[in-house]
Amino acid sequence: MLLPDNKSATSIPPPPYSPTAAPGAGVPSMVPSSLPGQNHVHIRRDNTPIHGSFLIDVSLPGGSGKNLSLESHNGLIDANVWVKGEAKRCELEAVSHNGVVRLGVADRENPVPLNVLAKTHNGTVHALIPVDFEGPLTTVNRYGAVGLEPSLQEHAHLISEEGGVRKYWVGGDYDEDEARDWLGDACHAETTNGTVTVGYWVSAEKEEQQEAKEEAKCGMWRFICP
């Protein structure tokens, strides 16, 4: 499915936060009711940002290539993704040649293996992965900082680091032989000029909950809000 430049993807924030079990439990996030199931969505824009929320149903027939591909040649990308259905793997990518990239993948109901790419040449990259993610995580940053959010850092084991490329194994025990032919979860986050941050999806839900609380507080006590 290809969306031309004059069509905007549905823009929906992450759902309100609800208590989530510890990493590895894989408690699914509630999908916004207004999101239709889609598959093989391809959006490419020049000089225009991409904002959107997507429900990728890997069981839907038709189409080819990545299950979700977002590309901007000169603009930011900000996307939240929910995945459902059954397939060997779900391919998700968000690539900007000059702009911030934020790609959040919600916690899954079914353990569909994910291959996630979040990349830009100039700008910050912020990737959020499901709490039950298990597999290799690669971060690439030649001229900037790389950070893992605390909750993810507890479950990420640094395997190698060289020339701005860091390779981690997230969740479970690292087995070099098994990793060589790995077809499960994988995530690659990269920028040339900027910062790279990777965390769990639950952090997005907590942020949304905090924003909702602040908005409610301002609604009742407007005079104390900036």
Foldseek 3Di string as FASTA:
>chain_A
DEDDPVDAAAADAADAADDDDAQQPLDFGDDPPPADEAFQYAYEEEPDEHHYEHEYEVPDDDDDDAREYAEYAAEEYAYEYEYDYDDLEHEYEHEYAHYEYEYEYTRHPDQHFYEYEYEYAAEEYEYAAASNDWAKEKEAEQPDEEEEPPSFVVFWAWDDDDNRITMTTGHDDDDPVCNVPDSGHYYYYYYHHYYYYYYHNSVSNVVVNVVVVVVVVCVVVVVVDD
